[in-house]
Amino acid sequence: MKTSKLTFHFLVGVFIFCMNTAFAQIDSLNIDYTSSPSLTIKGLNLTSKTTIKEVTKELGDATEIKEHANGEKAYFYETSGIVFFTNKNKITGLGINFNTDGDEKFPTTSFTGTLTLGEVNIFKETVSADIAGIENIEFICPFPAMCATKDRSLNIVCTAAFKDEQLTQVVFLMH
């Protein structure tokens, strides 16, 4: 009888630990892109000088790391639907998956947090007209499958991709 109570308490403890670590990250994942431009994730300011070590300190370890022949690495946070692109341990980009289109450079799961572009919250149902209508960040949508910040010389640029009018990914590239 004591063994079963001990096992039960152990399992409850493991469950609570898991809820407080892995899932807490998902629930509180906020990404904000402003007109300055600045990009923050869970309060961490992302720039071309941000290291993957700083990101993992804030978000925990990636669920998967893919190395590319050119030396770049992709750090997947599959449960959150995001991926960080790095070169020499510096962040070069952040990819956010909304509706998977089979692109292997992105997670297969949908983003579970909150993304704000300027003053607009972005959702799986967001269409290109919503992105083009953002007032304090100028986006252009040269064709239905893509919108991007008009000023490509910014230190952080943003691109949104669509397939069959569905938002698939939002990508931020650091210069």
Protein backbone atom coordinates (compact mmCIF):
# COMPACT_ATOMS: atom_id res chain seq x y z
CA MET A 1 0.00 0.00 0.00
CA LYS A 2 2.82 2.41 0.84
CA THR A 3 4.46 1.70 -2.51
CA SER A 4 1.34 2.66 -4.46
CA LYS A 5 0.96 5.94 -2.50
CA LEU A 6 4.62 6.70 -3.11
CA THR A 7 4.25 5.92 -6.82
CA PHE A 8 1.14 8.10 -7.03
CA HIS A 9 2.88 11.06 -5.34
CA PHE A 10 5.92 10.60 -7.56
CA LEU A 11 3.75 10.66 -10.70
CA VAL A 12 1.88 13.74 -9.48
CA GLY A 13 5.22 15.44 -8.80
CA VAL A 14 6.52 14.60 -12.27
CA PHE A 15 3.29 15.89 -13.83
CA ILE A 16 3.51 19.19 -11.94
CA PHE A 17 7.18 19.58 -12.87
CA CYS A 18 6.37 19.04 -16.56
CA MET A 19 3.50 21.51 -16.44
CA ASN A 20 5.73 24.16 -14.87
CA THR A 21 8.61 23.76 -17.30
CA ALA A 22 7.69 22.72 -20.83
CA PHE A 23 4.14 23.96 -21.06
CA ALA A 24 4.71 27.23 -19.21
CA GLN A 25 6.99 28.33 -22.04
CA ILE A 26 4.28 27.76 -24.62
CA ASP A 27 1.54 29.63 -22.77
CA SER A 28 3.59 32.77 -22.22
CA LEU A 29 5.32 33.08 -25.59
CA ASN A 30 4.76 36.64 -26.83
CA ILE A 31 6.54 37.97 -29.91
CA ASP A 32 6.36 41.68 -30.73
CA TYR A 33 7.66 43.49 -33.82
CA THR A 34 7.55 47.28 -33.73
CA SER A 35 8.12 50.06 -36.25
CA SER A 36 11.48 51.07 -34.71
CA PRO A 37 12.10 48.17 -35.72
CA SER A 38 12.55 45.98 -32.69
CA LEU A 39 11.73 42.33 -32.16
CA THR A 40 11.17 40.78 -28.74
CA ILE A 41 10.26 37.27 -27.64
CA LYS A 42 9.26 36.77 -24.01
CA GLY A 43 10.87 40.13 -23.28
CA LEU A 44 14.23 39.20 -24.88
CA ASN A 45 15.28 41.78 -27.48
CA LEU A 46 16.43 39.96 -30.64
CA THR A 47 19.09 41.54 -32.84
CA SER A 48 21.85 40.29 -35.11
CA LYS A 49 24.08 40.31 -32.00
CA THR A 50 21.79 38.04 -29.94
CA THR A 51 23.30 34.61 -29.35
CA ILE A 52 21.51 31.28 -29.33
CA LYS A 53 22.77 30.88 -25.75
CA GLU A 54 20.70 33.93 -24.73
CA VAL A 55 17.66 32.43 -26.45
CA THR A 56 18.04 29.02 -24.81
CA LYS A 57 18.48 30.71 -21.43
CA GLU A 58 15.07 32.32 -21.93
CA LEU A 59 13.19 29.57 -23.81
CA GLY A 60 15.00 26.39 -22.81
CA ASP A 61 16.66 23.89 -25.11
CA ALA A 62 15.45 23.43 -28.67
CA THR A 63 13.58 20.21 -29.46
CA GLU A 64 15.74 19.71 -32.56
CA ILE A 65 18.84 21.27 -34.12
CA LYS A 66 19.48 20.93 -37.85
CA GLU A 67 22.93 21.71 -39.21
CA HIS A 68 23.35 22.89 -42.79
CA ALA A 69 26.37 22.39 -45.05
CA ASN A 70 27.09 26.15 -45.05
CA GLY A 71 27.58 26.16 -41.26
CA GLU A 72 24.18 27.59 -40.40
CA LYS A 73 22.01 25.89 -37.80
CA ALA A 74 18.27 25.87 -37.23
CA TYR A 75 17.01 25.51 -33.66
CA PHE A 76 13.48 24.12 -33.67
CA TYR A 77 11.04 24.71 -30.83
CA GLU A 78 8.50 22.31 -32.29
CA THR A 79 6.00 22.51 -29.41
CA SER A 80 5.86 26.31 -29.81
CA GLY A 81 5.86 26.37 -33.63
CA ILE A 82 9.01 28.50 -33.98
CA VAL A 83 12.56 28.09 -35.32
CA PHE A 84 15.67 30.23 -34.87
CA PHE A 85 18.20 30.47 -37.69
CA THR A 86 21.82 31.04 -36.63
CA ASN A 87 25.26 31.57 -38.10
CA LYS A 88 28.29 31.30 -35.79
CA ASN A 89 25.89 31.12 -32.81
CA LYS A 90 24.33 34.53 -33.64
CA ILE A 91 20.63 34.80 -34.47
CA THR A 92 20.07 35.58 -38.15
CA GLY A 93 16.34 34.92 -38.23
CA LEU A 94 13.19 33.76 -36.50
CA GLY A 95 10.56 31.71 -38.29
CA ILE A 96 7.02 31.27 -37.02
CA ASN A 97 4.72 28.59 -38.43
CA PHE A 98 0.97 29.20 -38.55
CA ASN A 99 -0.38 26.73 -41.12
CA THR A 100 2.14 24.18 -42.29
CA ASP A 101 2.81 23.98 -46.02
CA GLY A 102 5.40 21.21 -45.88
CA ASP A 103 8.44 23.51 -45.78
CA GLU A 104 11.04 21.53 -43.82
CA LYS A 105 12.76 24.71 -42.64
CA PHE A 106 9.81 25.31 -40.31
CA PRO A 107 8.17 23.36 -37.50
CA THR A 108 5.18 21.21 -38.40
CA THR A 109 3.16 22.49 -35.45
CA SER A 110 1.37 25.83 -35.42
CA PHE A 111 2.56 28.75 -33.32
CA THR A 112 1.00 28.63 -29.87
CA GLY A 113 1.76 32.14 -28.60
CA THR A 114 0.87 35.71 -29.51
CA LEU A 115 2.48 37.56 -32.43
CA THR A 116 1.97 41.30 -32.74
CA LEU A 117 3.11 43.27 -35.81
CA GLY A 118 2.83 46.93 -34.89
CA GLU A 119 -0.60 47.21 -33.34
CA VAL A 120 -2.09 44.11 -35.02
CA ASN A 121 -2.28 40.62 -33.52
CA ILE A 122 -1.54 37.93 -36.10
CA PHE A 123 -3.47 34.64 -36.17
CA LYS A 124 -3.73 31.53 -38.35
CA GLU A 125 -6.69 33.21 -40.07
CA THR A 126 -4.77 36.41 -40.94
CA VAL A 127 -4.85 37.25 -44.67
CA SER A 128 -2.51 39.42 -46.75
CA ALA A 129 -4.92 42.38 -46.63
CA ASP A 130 -4.58 42.37 -42.82
CA ILE A 131 -0.78 42.57 -43.10
CA ALA A 132 -0.95 45.28 -45.79
CA GLY A 133 -3.32 47.27 -43.56
CA ILE A 134 -0.91 47.57 -40.63
CA GLU A 135 -0.63 51.32 -40.16
CA ASN A 136 2.60 51.92 -38.26
CA ILE A 137 4.76 49.41 -40.20
CA GLU A 138 4.69 49.73 -43.99
CA PHE A 139 4.20 46.37 -45.70
CA ILE A 140 3.92 45.67 -49.40
CA CYS A 141 2.27 42.60 -50.88
CA PRO A 142 3.70 42.28 -54.41
CA PHE A 143 1.70 39.11 -55.04
CA PRO A 144 -0.93 37.17 -53.08
CA ALA A 145 1.55 34.66 -51.62
CA MET A 146 3.83 37.20 -49.92
CA CYS A 147 3.94 40.41 -47.91
CA ALA A 148 7.12 42.08 -46.65
CA THR A 149 8.25 45.23 -44.92
CA LYS A 150 8.64 47.85 -47.63
CA ASP A 151 11.97 49.16 -46.35
CA ARG A 152 14.35 46.24 -46.96
CA SER A 153 17.29 48.17 -45.44
CA LEU A 154 15.92 47.87 -41.89
CA ASN A 155 18.06 45.98 -39.38
CA ILE A 156 15.13 43.57 -38.90
CA VAL A 157 12.84 42.85 -41.85
CA CYS A 158 9.64 40.86 -41.80
CA THR A 159 8.08 38.64 -44.45
CA ALA A 160 4.73 36.83 -44.32
CA ALA A 161 4.02 33.90 -46.65
CA PHE A 162 0.62 32.62 -47.73
CA LYS A 163 -0.64 29.53 -49.54
CA ASP A 164 -4.19 29.44 -50.87
CA GLU A 165 -4.79 32.70 -48.97
CA GLN A 166 -3.84 31.03 -45.66
CA LEU A 167 -0.98 32.44 -43.60
CA THR A 168 1.77 29.81 -43.53
CA GLN A 169 4.82 31.50 -42.01
CA VAL A 170 6.10 34.80 -40.71
CA VAL A 171 9.87 35.27 -40.87
CA PHE A 172 12.11 37.93 -39.34
CA LEU A 173 15.61 38.38 -40.76
CA MET A 174 18.29 40.27 -38.84
CA HIS A 175 20.88 42.35 -40.69
